[in-house]
Protein backbone atom coordinates (compact mmCIF):
# COMPACT_ATOMS: atom_id res chain seq x y z
CA MET A 1 0.00 0.00 0.00
CA LEU A 2 1.33 3.43 -0.98
CA PRO A 3 1.91 5.98 1.77
CA LEU A 4 -0.46 8.91 2.04
CA ASN A 5 0.25 12.06 0.10
CA CYS A 6 1.25 14.49 2.85
CA ALA A 7 1.74 17.48 0.55
CA THR A 8 -0.16 20.64 1.36
CA GLY A 9 -0.89 23.69 -0.72
CA GLU A 10 -3.20 24.33 -3.64
CA LEU A 11 -2.84 25.37 -7.26
CA LEU A 12 -1.97 28.89 -6.18
CA VAL A 13 1.22 30.15 -7.81
CA TYR A 14 4.28 29.23 -5.76
CA SER A 15 5.91 32.25 -4.16
CA PRO A 16 9.27 31.53 -2.51
CA THR A 17 9.50 32.03 1.24
CA SER A 18 12.13 31.38 3.89
CA GLN A 19 10.35 28.10 4.63
CA LYS A 20 10.05 27.18 0.93
CA PRO A 21 12.96 28.94 -0.79
CA TRP A 22 13.63 28.89 -4.53
CA ASP A 23 16.94 27.06 -4.24
CA ARG A 24 18.96 24.40 -6.02
CA ARG A 25 16.86 21.59 -4.53
CA ARG A 26 13.54 22.97 -5.79
CA ALA A 27 14.99 23.97 -9.15
CA MET A 28 16.29 20.42 -9.55
CA HIS A 29 12.86 19.06 -8.58
CA LEU A 30 11.23 21.18 -11.28
CA LEU A 31 13.73 20.32 -14.00
CA ARG A 32 13.58 16.59 -13.18
CA ARG A 33 9.81 16.60 -13.63
CA ILE A 34 9.38 19.10 -16.46
CA GLY A 35 12.20 17.45 -18.42
CA MET A 36 15.01 14.97 -17.84
CA GLY A 37 17.05 16.87 -15.26
CA ALA A 38 19.73 19.45 -15.95
CA SER A 39 23.41 20.18 -15.48
CA PRO A 40 24.70 22.21 -12.51
CA GLN A 41 25.12 25.25 -14.77
CA ASN A 42 21.51 25.09 -15.94
CA ILE A 43 20.25 24.54 -12.41
CA ASP A 44 22.14 27.56 -11.14
CA ALA A 45 20.95 29.65 -14.09
CA ALA A 46 17.36 28.74 -13.21
CA ILE A 47 17.84 29.93 -9.63
CA GLN A 48 18.75 33.39 -10.93
CA GLU A 49 15.24 33.74 -12.37
CA SER A 50 11.90 33.47 -10.64
CA PRO A 51 10.26 30.02 -10.71
CA GLU A 52 7.34 31.52 -12.63
CA ALA A 53 9.68 32.86 -15.32
CA VAL A 54 11.47 29.49 -15.58
CA VAL A 55 8.24 27.52 -15.94
CA ASN A 56 6.69 29.90 -18.47
CA ASN A 57 9.89 29.98 -20.52
CA LEU A 58 10.13 26.19 -20.59
CA LEU A 59 6.46 25.89 -21.55
CA SER A 60 6.91 28.43 -24.32
CA GLN A 61 9.90 26.52 -25.66
CA ALA A 62 7.97 23.24 -25.52
CA THR A 63 4.93 24.54 -27.40
CA SER A 64 6.99 26.20 -30.14
CA LEU A 65 9.53 23.43 -30.65
CA PRO A 66 9.55 22.05 -34.23
CA LEU A 67 8.83 18.39 -34.80
CA ALA A 68 11.68 15.96 -35.36
CA PRO A 69 12.89 16.18 -38.99
CA GLU A 70 10.85 13.93 -41.26
CA PRO A 71 12.91 10.95 -42.48
CA GLU A 72 12.94 10.06 -46.16
CA TRP A 73 11.06 6.83 -45.38
CA ALA A 74 8.26 8.55 -43.44
CA TYR A 75 5.58 7.32 -45.86
CA TRP A 76 7.27 4.35 -47.51
CA GLN A 77 5.23 1.32 -48.44
CA ILE A 78 6.63 -2.17 -48.86
CA ALA A 79 7.13 -1.52 -52.58
CA ASP A 80 9.65 1.19 -51.68
CA TYR A 81 11.95 -1.35 -50.03
CA SER A 82 14.34 -3.79 -51.61
CA PRO A 83 12.56 -6.76 -53.22
CA ILE A 84 15.14 -9.00 -51.57
CA GLU A 85 13.73 -10.03 -48.19
CA ALA A 86 17.02 -9.99 -46.29
CA GLU A 87 17.88 -6.52 -47.57
CA ARG A 88 14.36 -5.29 -46.86
CA ASN A 89 14.52 -6.57 -43.30
CA GLN A 90 17.87 -4.87 -42.78
CA GLN A 91 16.48 -1.58 -44.10
CA ILE A 92 13.56 -1.82 -41.67
CA VAL A 93 15.83 -2.57 -38.72
CA GLU A 94 18.10 0.38 -39.58
CA GLN A 95 15.13 2.74 -39.86
CA VAL A 96 13.69 1.64 -36.52
CA LEU A 97 17.06 1.99 -34.79
CA ALA A 98 17.67 5.42 -36.32
CA TRP A 99 14.27 6.74 -35.26
CA ALA A 100 14.48 5.22 -31.78
CA THR A 101 17.85 6.96 -31.35
CA GLN A 102 16.36 10.24 -32.58
CA TRP A 103 13.48 10.03 -30.11
CA LEU A 104 15.71 9.06 -27.18
CA LYS A 105 17.88 12.12 -27.86
CA ASP A 106 14.75 14.26 -28.14
CA ILE A 107 13.50 12.95 -24.80
CA LYS A 108 16.89 13.69 -23.25
CA ASN A 109 17.24 17.18 -24.67
CA ASN A 110 13.84 18.64 -25.54
CA GLY A 111 12.41 19.24 -22.09
CA LEU A 112 8.66 19.14 -21.57
CA ARG A 113 7.62 18.59 -25.20
CA ASP A 114 9.24 15.18 -25.41
CA ARG A 115 8.75 14.39 -21.75
CA MET A 116 5.06 14.67 -22.70
CA SER A 117 5.41 12.74 -25.96
CA TRP A 118 6.92 9.90 -23.90
CA PHE A 119 4.06 10.14 -21.39
CA TRP A 120 1.47 9.86 -24.16
CA HIS A 121 3.32 6.88 -25.65
CA ASN A 122 2.36 5.05 -22.47
CA HIS A 123 -1.22 6.31 -22.67
CA PHE A 124 -2.18 5.92 -26.34
CA VAL A 125 -0.34 2.62 -26.52
CA THR A 126 0.54 0.85 -29.75
CA ARG A 127 3.19 -1.81 -30.27
CA LEU A 128 5.65 -1.83 -33.15
CA ASP A 129 5.93 -5.60 -32.78
CA ASP A 130 2.24 -5.79 -33.76
CA TYR A 131 2.15 -3.43 -36.75
CA GLY A 132 5.76 -3.70 -37.94
CA CYS A 133 6.04 -0.76 -40.38
CA PRO A 134 8.60 2.03 -39.86
CA SER A 135 6.34 4.49 -41.70
CA TRP A 136 3.47 3.77 -39.31
CA MET A 137 5.88 4.04 -36.39
CA TYR A 138 6.98 7.48 -37.59
CA GLN A 139 3.39 8.69 -38.16
CA TYR A 140 2.36 7.53 -34.69
CA HIS A 141 5.41 9.22 -33.14
CA LYS A 142 4.68 12.41 -35.07
CA LEU A 143 1.23 12.56 -33.45
CA LEU A 144 2.78 12.14 -30.01
CA GLN A 145 5.07 15.11 -30.59
CA GLU A 146 2.53 17.23 -32.44
CA HIS A 147 -0.16 16.97 -29.77
CA ALA A 148 2.02 16.53 -26.69
CA LEU A 149 0.80 19.83 -25.21
CA GLY A 150 -2.08 20.47 -27.60
CA ASN A 151 -5.78 19.70 -27.56
CA PHE A 152 -6.60 16.37 -25.94
CA LYS A 153 -9.88 15.94 -27.82
CA VAL A 154 -8.21 16.48 -31.20
CA PHE A 155 -5.36 14.23 -30.09
CA THR A 156 -7.79 11.43 -29.22
CA ARG A 157 -9.65 11.80 -32.50
CA GLU A 158 -6.52 11.65 -34.65
CA MET A 159 -4.89 8.87 -32.65
CA GLY A 160 -7.82 6.52 -33.16
CA ILE A 161 -7.42 6.50 -36.94
CA THR A 162 -3.64 6.51 -37.26
CA PRO A 163 -2.47 3.26 -38.95
CA ALA A 164 -0.48 2.04 -35.93
CA MET A 165 -3.60 2.21 -33.73
CA LEU A 166 -5.93 0.81 -36.40
CA ILE A 167 -3.70 -2.25 -36.73
CA PHE A 168 -2.91 -2.64 -33.02
CA LEU A 169 -6.54 -2.51 -31.85
CA ASN A 170 -8.01 -4.29 -34.86
CA GLY A 171 -9.73 -1.25 -36.33
CA VAL A 172 -8.98 -2.45 -39.86
CA GLN A 173 -10.97 -5.59 -39.06
CA ASN A 174 -13.96 -3.68 -37.68
CA THR A 175 -16.72 -3.71 -40.32
CA GLN A 176 -20.50 -3.62 -40.32
CA PHE A 177 -20.41 -7.31 -41.24
CA ASP A 178 -18.21 -8.30 -38.30
CA PRO A 179 -17.85 -5.58 -35.62
CA ASN A 180 -14.72 -5.70 -33.47
CA GLU A 181 -14.99 -4.10 -30.01
CA ASN A 182 -11.28 -3.75 -29.18
CA PHE A 183 -10.84 -0.07 -29.99
CA ALA A 184 -14.22 0.96 -28.58
CA ARG A 185 -13.45 -0.73 -25.28
CA GLU A 186 -9.98 0.80 -24.92
CA LEU A 187 -11.22 4.22 -26.04
CA TYR A 188 -13.29 4.30 -22.87
CA GLU A 189 -11.39 2.08 -20.46
CA LEU A 190 -7.83 3.29 -21.11
CA PHE A 191 -7.83 6.42 -23.25
CA THR A 192 -10.55 8.69 -21.84
CA LEU A 193 -12.71 7.48 -18.94
CA GLY A 194 -10.98 4.76 -16.95
CA LEU A 195 -12.17 1.29 -16.06
CA ASP A 196 -15.95 1.02 -15.51
CA ASN A 197 -16.28 4.79 -15.26
CA GLY A 198 -19.38 6.13 -17.00
CA TYR A 199 -19.91 3.64 -19.81
CA THR A 200 -21.73 0.34 -20.27
CA GLN A 201 -21.15 -2.76 -22.34
CA ASN A 202 -23.93 -1.57 -24.64
CA ASP A 203 -22.05 1.73 -25.15
CA ILE A 204 -19.04 -0.32 -26.25
CA VAL A 205 -21.11 -2.46 -28.64
CA GLU A 206 -22.79 0.57 -30.20
CA THR A 207 -19.53 2.51 -30.40
CA ALA A 208 -17.85 -0.39 -32.19
CA ARG A 209 -20.59 -0.20 -34.82
CA ALA A 210 -20.16 3.57 -35.17
CA VAL A 211 -16.39 3.41 -35.74
CA THR A 212 -16.57 0.73 -38.46
CA GLY A 213 -15.28 1.44 -41.95
CA TRP A 214 -11.61 2.26 -41.35
CA SER A 215 -10.66 -0.89 -43.21
CA GLY A 216 -8.99 0.33 -46.41
CA LEU A 217 -5.69 -1.49 -45.99
CA ASP A 218 -3.85 -2.68 -49.10
CA ILE A 219 -2.59 -6.06 -47.95
CA GLN A 220 -0.60 -6.41 -51.18
CA ASN A 221 1.45 -3.33 -50.32
CA LEU A 222 1.54 -2.85 -46.58
CA CYS A 223 2.72 0.21 -44.67
CA GLY A 224 0.68 2.63 -46.75
CA GLU A 225 -2.32 4.75 -45.87
CA VAL A 226 -5.38 3.16 -44.25
CA GLU A 227 -8.52 4.63 -45.81
CA PHE A 228 -12.15 4.87 -44.76
CA VAL A 229 -14.36 2.55 -46.82
CA PRO A 230 -18.04 3.66 -46.72
CA ALA A 231 -19.29 0.21 -47.71
CA PHE A 232 -17.81 -1.24 -44.51
CA TRP A 233 -19.40 1.39 -42.25
CA ASP A 234 -22.55 0.57 -40.29
CA ALA A 235 -24.95 3.37 -41.22
CA GLY A 236 -27.74 2.19 -38.90
CA GLU A 237 -28.88 3.96 -35.76
CA LYS A 238 -26.79 3.52 -32.61
CA THR A 239 -27.42 4.65 -29.04
CA ILE A 240 -24.31 5.91 -27.24
CA PHE A 241 -24.51 7.52 -23.80
CA GLY A 242 -28.27 7.80 -24.28
CA GLN A 243 -28.08 9.60 -27.63
CA THR A 244 -29.46 7.89 -30.74
CA GLY A 245 -28.47 8.53 -34.36
CA ASN A 246 -26.58 7.07 -37.30
CA TRP A 247 -23.33 8.02 -35.61
CA ASP A 248 -19.88 7.71 -37.20
CA TYR A 249 -16.34 7.99 -35.79
CA ASP A 250 -16.35 11.78 -35.47
CA ASP A 251 -19.76 11.69 -33.79
CA VAL A 252 -18.47 9.23 -31.20
CA ILE A 253 -15.65 11.58 -30.20
CA ASP A 254 -18.01 14.57 -30.03
CA ILE A 255 -20.62 12.72 -27.94
CA LEU A 256 -17.97 11.28 -25.63
CA PHE A 257 -16.39 14.64 -24.85
CA GLU A 258 -19.77 16.37 -24.48
CA GLN A 259 -21.44 13.77 -22.30
CA ARG A 260 -18.48 12.67 -20.16
CA ALA A 261 -16.39 15.84 -19.85
CA THR A 262 -15.97 15.62 -16.09
CA GLU A 263 -15.01 11.96 -16.12
CA ILE A 264 -12.50 12.42 -18.96
CA SER A 265 -10.82 15.48 -17.48
CA GLU A 266 -10.50 13.91 -14.02
CA PHE A 267 -9.15 10.64 -15.44
CA ILE A 268 -6.52 12.36 -17.58
CA CYS A 269 -5.52 14.87 -14.91
CA GLY A 270 -5.22 12.03 -12.42
CA LYS A 271 -2.70 10.31 -14.69
CA LEU A 272 -0.79 13.55 -15.19
CA TYR A 273 -0.73 14.15 -11.44
CA ARG A 274 0.56 10.66 -10.63
CA HIS A 275 3.28 10.96 -13.25
CA PHE A 276 4.47 14.52 -12.70
CA VAL A 277 3.63 15.26 -9.06
CA ASN A 278 3.13 12.26 -6.79
CA PRO A 279 2.05 8.63 -7.30
CA LYS A 280 -0.42 9.12 -4.45
CA GLU A 281 -3.24 11.33 -5.64
CA ASP A 282 -4.61 14.49 -4.08
CA GLU A 283 -8.23 14.38 -5.25
CA ASN A 284 -8.91 18.06 -4.60
CA VAL A 285 -5.93 19.19 -6.67
CA ILE A 286 -6.87 16.79 -9.47
CA ALA A 287 -10.43 18.13 -9.51
CA ASP A 288 -9.04 21.67 -9.85
CA LEU A 289 -6.76 20.59 -12.70
CA ALA A 290 -9.70 18.90 -14.42
CA GLN A 291 -11.68 22.12 -14.22
CA ILE A 292 -8.76 23.96 -15.82
CA MET A 293 -8.72 21.41 -18.66
CA ARG A 294 -12.44 21.79 -19.28
CA ASP A 295 -12.29 25.59 -19.11
CA ALA A 296 -9.40 25.52 -21.61
CA ASP A 297 -11.51 23.45 -24.04
CA TRP A 298 -9.26 20.39 -23.63
CA GLN A 299 -5.92 22.15 -24.06
CA ILE A 300 -3.15 20.30 -22.20
CA ALA A 301 -0.62 23.14 -21.81
CA PRO A 302 -2.67 25.15 -19.27
CA VAL A 303 -2.95 22.06 -17.06
CA MET A 304 0.81 21.54 -17.09
CA GLN A 305 1.39 25.23 -16.42
CA ALA A 306 -0.92 25.07 -13.38
CA ILE A 307 0.92 22.01 -12.05
CA PHE A 308 4.44 23.36 -12.39
CA LEU A 309 3.65 26.83 -11.08
CA SER A 310 1.76 25.63 -8.04
CA GLU A 311 2.81 25.78 -4.42
CA HIS A 312 1.47 22.23 -4.17
CA PHE A 313 4.01 20.96 -6.71
CA PHE A 314 6.90 22.53 -4.79
CA ASP A 315 5.83 21.14 -1.42
CA ASP A 316 8.61 19.13 0.24
CA ALA A 317 6.35 16.07 0.37
CA ASN A 318 6.30 15.95 -3.45
CA VAL A 319 10.08 16.05 -3.88
CA GLY A 320 11.74 12.69 -4.57
CA THR A 321 8.51 10.67 -4.66
CA VAL A 322 8.62 9.19 -8.17
CA ILE A 323 10.53 6.12 -9.36
CA PRO A 324 11.20 6.78 -13.07
CA GLY A 325 11.23 4.13 -15.76
CA HIS A 326 14.59 2.79 -16.89
CA ILE A 327 14.86 5.08 -19.91
CA GLU A 328 13.94 8.22 -17.98
CA TYR A 329 16.31 7.14 -15.18
CA PHE A 330 19.33 6.83 -17.49
CA LEU A 331 18.61 9.91 -19.62
CA THR A 332 18.19 12.04 -16.49
CA PHE A 333 21.51 10.77 -15.19
CA LEU A 334 23.28 11.66 -18.44
CA ASN A 335 21.81 15.16 -18.32
CA GLU A 336 22.66 15.75 -14.69
CA LEU A 337 26.26 14.66 -15.29
CA ASP A 338 26.20 16.93 -18.36
CA TYR A 339 27.42 14.14 -20.63
CA PRO A 340 27.25 14.92 -24.37
CA ASP A 341 25.03 12.96 -26.73
CA GLU A 342 26.65 9.76 -27.93
CA ASP A 343 24.37 7.68 -30.15
CA ASP A 344 26.01 4.41 -29.13
CA ILE A 345 25.52 4.80 -25.40
CA ILE A 346 22.05 6.36 -25.68
CA LEU A 347 20.84 3.57 -27.94
CA ALA A 348 22.49 0.90 -25.78
CA LEU A 349 20.82 2.20 -22.61
CA GLY A 350 17.49 2.65 -24.37
CA PHE A 351 17.36 -0.79 -25.89
CA SER A 352 18.81 -2.61 -22.89
CA ALA A 353 15.80 -1.26 -20.99
CA GLY A 354 13.70 -3.53 -23.18
CA GLU A 355 15.17 -6.52 -21.39
CA TYR A 356 13.55 -5.19 -18.21
CA ASP A 357 10.11 -4.35 -19.58
CA GLN A 358 10.58 -0.88 -21.08
CA ALA A 359 11.10 -1.42 -24.79
CA ILE A 360 10.75 1.79 -26.79
CA PHE A 361 7.74 1.64 -29.16
CA ASN A 362 6.67 -1.58 -27.40
CA PRO A 363 4.94 -0.99 -24.04
CA THR A 364 4.04 -4.17 -22.17
CA ASN A 365 0.44 -4.27 -23.37
CA VAL A 366 -2.41 -1.92 -24.27
CA ALA A 367 -2.54 -0.70 -20.66
CA GLY A 368 1.10 0.44 -20.90
CA TRP A 369 3.88 0.17 -18.37
CA PRO A 370 2.41 0.17 -14.84
CA GLY A 371 5.25 2.40 -13.63
CA ASN A 372 6.65 3.68 -10.35
CA ARG A 373 7.39 0.83 -7.90
CA ASN A 374 6.86 -1.72 -10.65
CA TRP A 375 10.18 -0.61 -12.16
CA ILE A 376 12.08 -2.06 -9.23
CA SER A 377 12.80 -5.77 -8.85
CA THR A 378 15.85 -7.80 -7.94
CA GLY A 379 16.84 -8.07 -11.59
CA SER A 380 15.97 -4.56 -12.71
CA LEU A 381 17.72 -2.93 -9.75
CA ASN A 382 20.98 -4.66 -10.66
CA PHE A 383 20.44 -3.58 -14.27
CA ARG A 384 19.98 0.05 -13.24
CA TRP A 385 23.10 -0.04 -11.05
CA LYS A 386 25.15 -1.64 -13.81
CA GLY A 387 23.77 0.74 -16.44
CA ILE A 388 25.08 3.76 -14.52
CA ASN A 389 28.46 2.10 -14.09
CA ASP A 390 28.65 1.14 -17.76
CA ALA A 391 27.63 4.59 -18.97
CA MET A 392 30.22 6.29 -16.81
CA GLY A 393 32.83 3.72 -17.81
CA TYR A 394 32.08 4.39 -21.49
CA TYR A 395 32.65 8.12 -21.14
CA PHE A 396 35.54 7.68 -18.70
CA ALA A 397 37.52 5.12 -20.65
CA PHE A 398 36.74 5.70 -24.31
CA GLN A 399 36.16 9.38 -24.85
CA GLY A 400 39.70 10.76 -24.70
CA GLU A 401 39.69 14.24 -23.23
CA SER A 402 36.37 13.62 -21.49
CA ILE A 403 38.26 11.73 -18.80
CA GLU A 404 38.46 15.29 -17.44
CA HIS A 405 34.71 15.71 -17.76
CA LEU A 406 33.91 14.69 -14.19
CA ARG A 407 36.51 17.09 -12.80
CA THR A 408 35.04 20.00 -14.76
CA TRP A 409 31.51 18.95 -13.77
CA ALA A 410 32.41 18.85 -10.06
CA ILE A 411 34.19 22.21 -10.15
CA ASN A 412 31.13 23.78 -11.82
CA LEU A 413 28.90 22.23 -9.17
CA LEU A 414 31.10 23.47 -6.33
CA SER A 415 31.95 26.90 -7.69
CA PRO A 416 33.52 28.79 -6.04
CA PHE A 417 35.82 25.81 -5.69
CA GLU A 418 37.00 24.58 -2.31
CA GLY A 419 39.39 21.68 -1.69
CA ASP A 420 37.43 20.13 1.17
CA PRO A 421 36.68 16.43 0.42
CA ALA A 422 33.71 16.40 2.82
CA LEU A 423 32.22 19.45 1.11
CA VAL A 424 32.78 17.90 -2.32
CA THR A 425 31.15 14.65 -1.22
CA ASN A 426 28.15 16.22 0.52
CA THR A 427 27.46 18.63 -2.35
CA ILE A 428 27.49 15.85 -4.94
CA VAL A 429 25.31 13.63 -2.76
CA ASP A 430 22.76 16.40 -2.30
CA PHE A 431 22.80 17.21 -6.01
CA LEU A 432 22.12 13.64 -7.12
CA LEU A 433 19.69 12.63 -4.36
CA PRO A 434 16.50 14.75 -4.20
CA ASN A 435 16.35 14.57 -0.41
CA GLY A 436 19.98 13.84 0.39
CA LEU A 437 20.91 11.11 2.87
CA GLN A 438 19.15 10.53 6.15
CA LYS A 439 22.03 9.94 8.59
CA PRO A 440 25.52 11.39 9.16
CA ALA A 441 26.88 7.85 8.95
CA ASP A 442 25.60 7.62 5.36
CA TYR A 443 27.48 10.77 4.42
CA ALA A 444 30.56 9.32 6.14
CA ASP A 445 30.28 6.19 3.99
CA ALA A 446 30.06 8.35 0.86
CA LEU A 447 33.13 10.29 1.95
CA ALA A 448 35.05 7.04 2.47
CA ALA A 449 34.10 5.91 -1.04
CA PHE A 450 35.29 9.24 -2.42
CA LYS A 451 38.62 9.20 -0.59
CA SER A 452 39.20 5.67 -1.84
CA GLU A 453 42.83 4.67 -1.42
CA VAL A 454 44.23 8.19 -1.32
CA PRO A 455 46.41 8.47 1.82
CA GLU A 456 44.74 10.53 4.54
CA ASN A 457 47.73 12.83 4.92
CA TYR A 458 47.06 14.36 1.48
CA PHE A 459 43.68 15.56 2.78
CA GLU A 460 44.98 16.57 6.19
CA ASN A 461 47.85 18.74 4.97
CA GLY A 462 45.77 20.47 2.26
CA GLU A 463 47.66 19.03 -0.72
CA TRP A 464 44.51 17.50 -2.16
CA ASN A 465 41.95 19.33 -4.28
CA LEU A 466 39.84 18.61 -7.37
CA SER A 467 42.80 19.45 -9.58
CA TRP A 468 44.67 16.49 -8.16
CA GLU A 469 45.64 13.86 -10.74
CA TYR A 470 43.34 11.09 -9.52
CA ALA A 471 40.34 13.28 -8.65
CA PRO A 472 38.32 12.19 -11.73
CA TYR A 473 38.65 8.55 -10.67
CA GLN A 474 37.58 9.48 -7.14
CA LEU A 475 34.51 11.20 -8.56
CA PHE A 476 33.78 8.09 -10.62
CA LEU A 477 33.87 5.96 -7.45
CA LEU A 478 31.72 8.39 -5.47
CA ILE A 479 29.01 8.67 -8.11
CA ASN A 480 28.84 4.91 -8.49
CA HIS A 481 28.55 4.63 -4.71
CA ILE A 482 25.64 7.10 -4.75
CA ALA A 483 23.98 5.27 -7.65
CA ASN A 484 23.86 2.11 -5.52
CA ILE A 485 22.03 3.85 -2.66
CA PRO A 486 18.28 3.06 -2.65
CA GLU A 487 17.33 6.76 -2.57
CA PHE A 488 18.97 7.20 -5.96
CA GLN A 489 16.00 5.45 -7.54
CA LEU A 490 13.75 8.35 -6.53
CA ARG A 491 13.27 11.49 -8.54
């Protein structure tokens, strides 16, 4: 059972006080939730502005950010590939890998826009393993980016008829001659209302009839457009949420959002709250967010603005309460250590996560990854520890001059620099752990890991500082020590 949410405060705009100062800890909390963390320089730059200015600037950047560049194969059909099966398969693999790498870098670097696109990937779930076409993968991903902070009603409408979703939830098989209920059921249960919340089995049956007709798939040349075929649409009367007519797909979306506005807004804002604020809900705050969404005519950006500007969000009880998925965990680490983009390591970390139930473009099932505490198991915890070690080892051992990277990073974090090993250790611990360590003995253990085998007299007589020859290796040992502390799993 999850602990109670002890956070106080409402959706009033956060105003720093002596009890709740705008400091490095709260700036880090914001940048870990609104994006994938930030370097010490970016954290300290944020502190120089007001939290309201930081949030509004990041939101503005997110809503104006261009989409990822369209690849040449964005609308390829099977006929566009090599006729030789082995070559065609290789082309498909290369395209998937290239686009996965692109998206992982976007998630790492693009702040809220792609933090949101990743969130929606786990809401409007499709699985590449089920539909198999790179062009459909790209078109699905484009929708995630395009509507990440846009209009949720429009997003829902367009997502339901994108090829990846039509294949994944059997929409192409849904005809007036043989209705298929898969999409209708998930539209209500997972995408808009929540399980058993304001719909009946008859609503599902009638909705399935209304959304028939999207069956125009050329099975001789897959990966192309899926068209609406009027002959496959059920033109008879249907009764949905008590309204009767010869409804079609667009009518379903309109009726749903008109008749179940409160249920939809509270369901979606509840998911946003659990992901971005605290896994344990505050029902009053969620109700207020839902009202904001309805008042904004289903726009998502005002909801996110209200969350990130609120005194509730910055309450101490909401700091360090979320266990991120493997991909978010690693990308945040790379950002906070200010490591540059390296396709090899980003792709390796992203795809290795698939071995522990977070495969990019392939959530577990239509309900998505369950998240939070479900990310931690005996096997996955070892994987997360080893992933940090391997990533640091990659940069430390194979990137030439970047062996000095950790030294530069630590000096920036500690500026103005001081040669006190305890200060170095405590500052790094408090930077990487949202709530620091609980006991002085824990800080002492971290200090011992940092000092490593360096003779104590070097520290005692003042000869040691971060410019010392072996300081980068000491930093490597300290950060790996911190990464193995249970609190490191929290963000």
